Protein backbone atom coordinates (compact mmCIF):
# COMPACT_ATOMS: atom_id res chain seq x y z
CA UNK A 1 158.86 66.86 5.70
CA UNK A 2 156.98 65.63 8.55
CA UNK A 3 157.66 69.12 10.51
CA UNK A 4 156.26 70.91 7.48
CA UNK A 5 152.86 68.37 6.81
CA UNK A 6 152.54 68.93 10.37
CA UNK A 7 152.49 73.05 10.40
CA UNK A 8 150.15 73.16 7.64
CA UNK A 9 147.82 71.01 9.10
CA UNK A 10 147.60 73.06 12.33
CA UNK A 11 147.29 76.60 10.08
CA UNK A 12 144.15 74.29 8.38
CA UNK A 13 142.58 73.45 11.63
CA UNK A 14 142.85 77.16 13.28
CA UNK A 15 141.27 78.68 9.97
CA UNK A 16 138.45 76.03 10.02
CA UNK A 17 138.27 77.17 14.29
CA UNK A 18 137.76 80.54 12.83
CA UNK A 19 135.15 79.83 10.53
CA UNK A 20 132.91 78.22 12.38
CA UNK A 21 133.12 80.83 15.08
CA UNK A 22 132.32 83.50 12.26
CA UNK A 23 129.43 81.39 11.13
CA UNK A 24 128.15 81.32 14.78
CA UNK A 25 128.73 84.91 15.06
CA UNK A 26 126.34 85.61 12.30
CA UNK A 27 123.86 82.77 13.21
CA UNK A 28 123.02 84.88 16.51
CA UNK A 29 122.87 88.32 14.97
CA UNK A 30 120.71 86.92 12.30
CA UNK A 31 118.61 85.06 14.89
CA UNK A 32 117.99 88.65 17.27
CA UNK A 33 116.94 90.64 14.08
CA UNK A 34 114.26 87.92 13.26
CA UNK A 35 113.20 88.22 17.04
CA UNK A 36 113.02 91.68 17.17
CA UNK A 37 111.24 92.16 13.84
CA UNK A 38 108.71 89.35 15.46
CA UNK A 39 107.87 91.66 18.55
CA UNK A 40 107.57 94.85 16.12
CA UNK A 41 103.98 95.73 16.15
CA UNK A 42 102.37 94.88 12.68
CA UNK A 43 101.47 98.73 11.52
CA UNK A 44 98.68 97.01 9.21
CA UNK A 45 96.58 96.23 11.46
CA UNK A 46 94.48 99.29 11.27
CA UNK A 47 95.67 100.73 15.18
CA UNK A 48 95.54 104.61 14.83
CA UNK A 49 98.79 106.28 14.97
CA UNK A 50 99.58 109.69 15.92
CA UNK A 51 99.69 110.56 12.60
CA UNK A 52 96.13 109.41 12.26
CA UNK A 53 94.95 111.20 15.52
CA UNK A 54 96.47 114.39 14.81
CA UNK A 55 97.30 116.49 11.96
CA UNK A 56 99.03 119.96 11.96
CA UNK A 57 97.14 121.65 14.32
CA UNK A 58 94.48 119.26 15.83
CA UNK A 59 94.17 116.32 17.69
CA UNK A 60 91.78 114.16 18.98
CA UNK A 61 89.67 114.55 22.83
CA UNK A 62 86.86 112.72 24.19
CA UNK A 63 84.30 114.53 25.42
CA UNK A 64 80.99 114.13 27.54
CA UNK A 65 77.86 115.91 28.85
CA UNK A 66 77.76 116.50 32.69
CA UNK A 67 75.30 115.21 34.80
CA UNK A 68 72.88 117.85 36.38
CA UNK A 69 72.15 116.98 39.98
CA UNK A 70 70.62 119.15 42.91
CA UNK A 71 73.52 118.68 45.55
CA UNK A 72 73.95 120.21 48.96
CA UNK A 73 77.61 121.66 49.24
CA UNK A 74 79.38 120.51 52.65
CA UNK A 75 82.78 121.94 53.76
CA UNK A 76 84.60 119.80 55.92
CA UNK A 77 87.87 121.11 57.60
CA UNK A 78 89.91 120.54 60.90
CA UNK A 79 89.66 122.94 63.75
CA UNK A 80 91.18 123.84 67.14
CA UNK A 81 89.53 124.83 70.42
CA UNK A 82 90.85 127.74 71.80
CA UNK A 83 89.70 130.57 74.38
CA UNK A 84 89.04 134.18 72.58
CA UNK A 85 90.30 135.92 75.91
CA UNK A 86 91.89 134.79 79.25
CA UNK A 87 91.61 136.32 82.77
CA UNK A 88 94.86 136.40 84.63
CA UNK A 89 94.37 135.97 87.99
CA UNK A 90 96.66 138.06 90.63
CA UNK A 91 96.20 139.59 94.07
CA UNK A 92 95.68 142.91 95.06
CA UNK A 93 97.51 142.44 98.15
CA UNK A 94 100.60 140.46 99.45
CA UNK A 95 100.89 138.35 101.95
CA UNK A 96 100.75 134.73 102.89
CA UNK A 97 99.05 132.02 101.28
CA UNK A 98 96.76 130.32 104.37
CA UNK A 99 93.97 128.51 102.02
CA UNK A 100 93.65 127.48 98.19
CA UNK A 101 90.41 126.03 97.22
CA UNK A 102 90.16 122.76 95.58
CA UNK A 103 88.58 124.73 92.91
CA UNK A 104 91.30 126.52 92.07
CA UNK A 105 92.95 123.93 89.92
CA UNK A 106 93.67 122.88 86.35
CA UNK A 107 91.12 121.52 84.40
CA UNK A 108 87.98 122.60 87.63
CA UNK A 109 84.91 124.90 86.65
CA UNK A 110 84.21 127.26 89.25
CA UNK A 111 81.50 130.00 89.32
CA UNK A 112 80.98 133.54 89.94
CA UNK A 113 81.57 134.16 93.97
CA UNK A 114 83.63 130.74 94.50
CA UNK A 115 86.55 131.53 96.45
CA UNK A 116 89.82 130.81 95.16
CA UNK A 117 92.88 131.56 97.56
CA UNK A 118 92.72 133.02 100.50
CA UNK A 119 95.73 135.55 102.09
CA UNK A 120 96.90 135.78 105.95
CA UNK A 121 94.17 138.59 106.74
CA UNK A 122 95.89 139.38 110.88
CA UNK A 123 98.08 142.45 109.28
CA UNK A 124 94.75 144.03 107.87
CA UNK A 125 92.55 142.92 111.01
CA UNK A 126 95.14 145.69 112.62
CA UNK A 127 95.08 148.14 109.93
CA UNK A 128 91.10 148.15 110.17
CA UNK A 129 91.61 148.78 114.01
CA UNK A 130 94.20 151.13 113.51
CA UNK A 131 91.95 153.39 111.55
CA UNK A 132 88.98 153.56 113.61
CA UNK A 133 91.29 154.15 116.35
CA UNK A 134 92.43 157.36 114.01
CA UNK A 135 88.99 158.50 113.37
CA UNK A 136 87.65 158.41 116.64
CA UNK A 137 91.00 160.55 118.38
CA UNK A 138 90.50 162.70 115.04
CA UNK A 139 86.70 163.15 116.21
CA UNK A 140 87.61 163.82 119.73
CA UNK A 141 89.84 166.61 119.05
CA UNK A 142 87.43 168.00 116.77
CA UNK A 143 84.70 167.80 118.98
CA UNK A 144 87.27 169.60 121.38
CA UNK A 145 88.31 172.21 118.79
CA UNK A 146 84.72 173.34 118.34
CA UNK A 147 83.48 173.48 121.90
CA UNK A 148 86.48 175.45 122.65
CA UNK A 149 85.57 177.50 119.69
CA UNK A 150 82.11 178.10 120.76
CA UNK A 151 83.72 179.87 124.28
CA UNK A 152 85.65 182.27 122.15
CA UNK A 153 82.97 183.17 120.81
CA UNK A 154 81.14 183.89 123.80
CA UNK A 155 84.28 185.81 125.01
CA UNK A 156 84.73 187.76 121.62
CA UNK A 157 81.24 189.08 122.16
CA UNK A 158 81.67 190.18 125.63
CA UNK A 159 84.20 191.85 125.01
CA UNK A 160 83.73 193.26 121.60
CA UNK A 161 80.47 193.42 121.34
CA UNK A 162 79.07 194.24 118.11
CA UNK A 163 82.05 193.82 116.20
CA UNK A 164 82.89 190.43 113.93
CA UNK A 165 84.44 187.61 115.35
CA UNK A 166 88.35 186.82 114.55
CA UNK A 167 88.48 183.86 112.45
CA UNK A 168 91.06 183.07 114.59
CA UNK A 169 89.82 183.77 117.93
CA UNK A 170 86.44 181.30 116.88
CA UNK A 171 89.13 178.42 116.23
CA UNK A 172 88.05 177.89 112.82
CA UNK A 173 91.80 177.01 111.01
CA UNK A 174 92.30 174.73 113.65
CA UNK A 175 89.00 173.39 113.35
CA UNK A 176 89.26 172.87 109.47
CA UNK A 177 92.77 170.92 110.34
CA UNK A 178 90.87 168.81 112.61
CA UNK A 179 88.13 168.28 109.87
CA UNK A 180 90.45 167.40 107.28
CA UNK A 181 92.18 164.64 109.60
CA UNK A 182 88.98 163.17 110.49
CA UNK A 183 88.16 162.46 106.77
CA UNK A 184 91.57 161.27 106.21
CA UNK A 185 91.05 159.17 109.18
CA UNK A 186 87.92 157.77 107.42
CA UNK A 187 89.32 157.42 104.16
CA UNK A 188 92.39 155.11 105.94
CA UNK A 189 89.76 152.97 107.27
CA UNK A 190 88.01 152.24 103.87
CA UNK A 191 91.33 151.86 101.96
CA UNK A 192 92.34 149.09 105.03
CA UNK A 193 88.91 147.57 105.07
CA UNK A 194 89.28 147.53 101.19
CA UNK A 195 92.44 145.29 101.88
CA UNK A 196 90.93 143.25 104.14
CA UNK A 197 88.55 142.09 101.47
CA UNK A 198 90.97 141.87 99.21
CA UNK A 199 93.01 139.01 101.04
CA UNK A 200 89.65 136.73 99.54
CA UNK A 201 89.86 136.07 96.10
CA UNK A 202 86.78 135.10 94.61
CA UNK A 203 85.81 133.76 90.46
CA UNK A 204 84.65 136.86 88.65
CA UNK A 205 82.54 134.87 86.39
CA UNK A 206 81.75 131.77 85.28
CA UNK A 207 85.02 130.36 84.20
CA UNK A 208 87.52 126.94 83.54
CA UNK A 209 90.90 127.14 85.62
CA UNK A 210 93.70 126.95 82.88
CA UNK A 211 96.32 126.34 85.43
CA UNK A 212 97.18 127.51 89.03
CA UNK A 213 100.35 128.16 90.81
CA UNK A 214 99.24 128.18 94.42
CA UNK A 215 99.97 126.22 97.19
CA UNK A 216 99.85 127.10 101.13
CA UNK A 217 102.73 129.19 102.61
CA UNK A 218 103.47 130.50 99.57
CA UNK A 219 103.97 134.63 99.80
CA UNK A 220 102.51 136.46 96.94
CA UNK A 221 103.23 140.17 95.88
CA UNK A 222 100.43 142.54 94.18
CA UNK A 223 100.33 141.66 90.18
CA UNK A 224 101.82 138.63 90.22
CA UNK A 225 100.06 136.50 88.14
CA UNK A 226 99.32 133.00 90.24
CA UNK A 227 96.32 131.24 87.81
CA UNK A 228 94.54 131.81 84.80
CA UNK A 229 90.88 131.69 83.87
CA UNK A 230 89.17 131.15 80.90
CA UNK A 231 85.38 132.04 80.63
CA UNK A 232 82.66 129.40 79.48
CA UNK A 233 81.51 131.78 76.94
CA UNK A 234 84.45 132.73 75.44
CA UNK A 235 85.73 128.95 74.45
CA UNK A 236 85.20 128.49 70.71
CA UNK A 237 86.41 127.22 67.32
CA UNK A 238 88.96 128.31 65.54
CA UNK A 239 88.50 126.80 61.86
CA UNK A 240 90.90 127.28 58.68
CA UNK A 241 89.34 127.72 55.24
CA UNK A 242 90.50 128.04 51.61
CA UNK A 243 89.42 131.26 49.69
CA UNK A 244 87.55 128.61 47.35
CA UNK A 245 85.91 126.93 50.50
CA UNK A 246 84.83 130.20 51.81
CA UNK A 247 83.09 131.26 48.25
CA UNK A 248 81.36 127.76 49.06
CA UNK A 249 79.31 128.89 51.96
CA UNK A 250 78.89 132.52 51.25
CA UNK A 251 78.13 134.61 53.45
CA UNK A 252 79.89 132.35 56.38
CA UNK A 253 78.49 134.18 59.24
CA UNK A 254 75.53 132.55 61.24
CA UNK A 255 75.71 129.49 59.66
CA UNK A 256 74.66 126.21 61.17
CA UNK A 257 77.71 123.90 62.01
CA UNK A 258 78.25 120.08 63.34
CA UNK A 259 81.72 118.94 65.14
CA UNK A 260 83.17 116.59 66.67
CA UNK A 261 86.23 116.02 68.96
CA UNK A 262 89.03 114.04 67.24
CA UNK A 263 89.76 110.30 68.48
CA UNK A 264 86.25 110.54 70.43
CA UNK A 265 83.14 108.46 70.29
CA UNK A 266 80.95 111.22 71.38
CA UNK A 267 78.45 112.38 69.60
CA UNK A 268 78.36 115.51 66.75
CA UNK A 269 77.98 118.91 68.91
CA UNK A 270 76.25 122.22 67.56
CA UNK A 271 77.71 125.08 66.79
CA UNK A 272 77.10 128.88 64.93
CA UNK A 273 80.03 130.57 62.57
CA UNK A 274 80.24 134.29 64.57
CA UNK A 275 83.01 135.72 62.41
CA UNK A 276 85.80 135.81 60.34
CA UNK A 277 89.43 136.84 60.28
CA UNK A 278 89.63 140.86 58.92
CA UNK A 279 92.86 139.30 56.65
CA UNK A 280 94.21 136.16 55.44
CA UNK A 281 97.15 134.53 56.63
CA UNK A 282 100.73 135.41 54.76
CA UNK A 283 101.60 132.45 54.80
CA UNK A 284 99.17 129.75 54.23
CA UNK A 285 96.46 132.32 52.41
CA UNK A 286 93.65 130.87 55.06
CA UNK A 287 91.48 132.56 57.07
CA UNK A 288 89.94 131.35 60.26
CA UNK A 289 86.36 131.23 60.97
CA UNK A 290 85.12 131.67 64.28
CA UNK A 291 82.55 128.99 65.87
CA UNK A 292 80.62 129.45 68.95
CA UNK A 293 79.72 126.10 70.30
CA UNK A 294 76.11 125.57 71.43
CA UNK A 295 77.80 123.39 74.53
CA UNK A 296 81.35 123.90 75.99
CA UNK A 297 81.21 120.98 78.26
CA UNK A 298 84.32 118.59 78.11
CA UNK A 299 86.10 120.57 75.01
CA UNK A 300 89.74 121.51 76.13
CA UNK A 301 91.65 124.31 75.08
CA UNK A 302 94.22 122.83 72.43
CA UNK A 303 91.62 119.93 71.64
CA UNK A 304 91.19 119.22 68.03
CA UNK A 305 88.21 119.27 65.93
CA UNK A 306 86.56 117.65 62.65
CA UNK A 307 84.16 120.43 61.18
CA UNK A 308 81.61 120.46 58.82
CA UNK A 309 79.79 123.62 57.36
CA UNK A 310 76.36 123.08 55.26
CA UNK A 311 75.71 125.37 52.20
CA UNK A 312 72.63 126.62 50.74
CA UNK A 313 71.35 123.46 48.20
CA UNK A 314 72.74 124.24 44.75
CA UNK A 315 69.52 122.95 41.89
CA UNK A 316 72.18 123.27 39.25
CA UNK A 317 75.41 121.15 40.26
CA UNK A 318 77.35 119.18 37.53
CA UNK A 319 79.08 116.33 37.91
CA UNK A 320 82.17 115.65 35.73
CA UNK A 321 85.09 112.86 36.01
CA UNK A 322 88.33 114.03 38.42
CA UNK A 323 90.43 113.72 34.98
CA UNK A 324 88.39 116.90 33.60
CA UNK A 325 89.64 119.30 36.25
CA UNK A 326 92.98 120.85 35.23
CA UNK A 327 94.65 122.75 38.47
CA UNK A 328 92.36 123.56 41.07
CA UNK A 329 89.20 125.23 39.14
CA UNK A 330 89.70 124.98 35.22
CA UNK A 331 87.95 122.69 32.56
CA UNK A 332 88.45 122.17 29.33
CA UNK A 333 85.26 122.42 26.07
CA UNK A 334 84.98 122.14 22.74
CA UNK A 335 83.32 124.90 21.18
CA UNK A 336 83.31 124.93 17.26
CA UNK A 337 85.77 122.52 16.97
CA UNK A 338 88.26 124.20 19.32
CA UNK A 339 89.35 123.82 22.94
CA UNK A 340 87.64 126.61 25.25
CA UNK A 341 89.14 126.79 28.87
CA UNK A 342 86.62 127.33 31.90
CA UNK A 343 86.74 128.58 35.59
CA UNK A 344 84.40 126.20 37.95
CA UNK A 345 83.73 126.63 41.31
CA UNK A 346 84.12 122.83 42.75
CA UNK A 347 80.97 122.41 45.59
CA UNK A 348 82.38 118.50 46.35
CA UNK A 349 83.40 115.24 45.03
CA UNK A 350 81.74 111.67 45.18
CA UNK A 351 82.85 108.30 44.38
CA UNK A 352 86.14 108.58 46.03
CA UNK A 353 87.45 111.47 44.87
CA UNK A 354 86.38 109.95 41.30
CA UNK A 355 84.09 112.43 40.29
CA UNK A 356 83.99 116.03 41.09
CA UNK A 357 80.70 118.46 41.29
CA UNK A 358 80.69 121.91 40.64
CA UNK A 359 78.87 124.76 39.83
CA UNK A 360 77.30 124.71 36.73
CA UNK A 361 78.68 126.26 33.62
CA UNK A 362 78.76 126.38 29.63
CA UNK A 363 79.74 123.18 28.95
CA UNK A 364 79.88 123.74 24.75
CA UNK A 365 79.68 121.49 22.78
CA UNK A 366 81.25 118.79 25.73
CA UNK A 367 83.11 118.63 28.02
CA UNK A 368 87.05 117.54 27.69
CA UNK A 369 87.22 114.38 29.62
CA UNK A 370 90.96 113.87 29.23
CA UNK A 371 92.69 117.58 28.50
CA UNK A 372 95.40 117.66 26.35
CA UNK A 373 98.65 118.23 28.55
CA UNK A 374 99.40 121.35 26.78
CA UNK A 375 95.88 122.57 25.62
CA UNK A 376 95.59 125.86 24.93
CA UNK A 377 92.48 128.06 24.35
CA UNK A 378 91.51 128.25 20.60
CA UNK A 379 93.28 124.93 19.85
CA UNK A 380 91.73 122.80 16.79
CA UNK A 381 90.74 119.78 18.25
CA UNK A 382 88.54 117.03 16.70
CA UNK A 383 85.83 115.52 19.66
CA UNK A 384 84.56 112.12 19.81
CA UNK A 385 81.83 111.33 22.13
CA UNK A 386 79.14 113.98 23.54
CA UNK A 387 76.89 111.52 24.67
CA UNK A 388 74.64 112.92 27.58
CA UNK A 389 74.63 111.25 31.10
CA UNK A 390 71.70 110.47 33.01
CA UNK A 391 70.94 113.13 35.09
CA UNK A 392 70.38 112.20 39.18
CA UNK A 393 67.82 113.38 41.32
CA UNK A 394 69.79 114.08 43.76
CA UNK A 395 73.28 114.15 44.67
CA UNK A 396 75.74 112.60 47.41
CA UNK A 397 76.81 115.62 50.19
CA UNK A 398 80.59 115.48 50.40
CA UNK A 399 82.83 117.58 51.45
CA UNK A 400 84.26 120.59 49.17
CA UNK A 401 87.81 120.04 48.02
């Protein structure tokens, strides 16, 4: 009987433990539900909900009237120093290099007529002397033939008075051949003198040496490239610009430019836009402006430069929040309670990019400060705001985007 009583007591204890666990679980769930209800916002506090702001076909937007300013646009871009043309230096005669000027080294500037290098001249001096000897021999032969011809004519007239002198008897063919040999000898001398002159190579114009591969003792041949020059006048800046930037500075040719080599503390330099690419780059859709610097001193081919191109002042420019700009050139305005898109030309920015400066455009009843994500032309909206913004007397000049 004690065993039966003990078994009944154990079952009762197990049932009580299970009941306690169930009560604990129910309590935890109840606390969680109560806590969640406490965190849920009270919809009765008057805060607007999506159903308040949006009906079946309209939403609420904030609008503003942009400030109008006088603005001087600037296009800030990067460019590269390059040369419009290079001069390849090569000898016109072959031989051993006897002398190389210290100026004919990369980075040096040379003046027109400066000696660059000299080729061994001995063979060419001998060639001139041989040509002079040939001239002397041909002249002597011609003189002898002319003397013989005069005697032959006298004899002919004595033997055949009144008859025309025969050409062979007068040595005419021989004299013509001798004259041809003399002319050839003279031409050979001129060629030899010209080759002798070409053993010394001079700078053809004022230029900067890009490279030189010569040294004393080196053997060169005609047409072999031994160096590269660029004329100081051919040094220019290649400045890629987008179509939007180009539109800001049109007409671009003739515009004044200021620039500075990147990474230097030197003063800004001046230049002028001389020409523009006739086509766009197929990959980047950019076009190069070519700027002629007022001074090319210390400019190196390949230098990066920061360029500022100033455009004509705009008397009526608008300042709008950067958030109003959709994409690159679109803003939204409200007209008769509906959205309407406007394509605008961006002139620059200020306030560290928080404000965009555009050319004047039709603002309707106001510019939408933050357009809806899926804005469409003709979409019904309820506009809030619309108060005019104070007009600034002048604009802060910044780079066009």
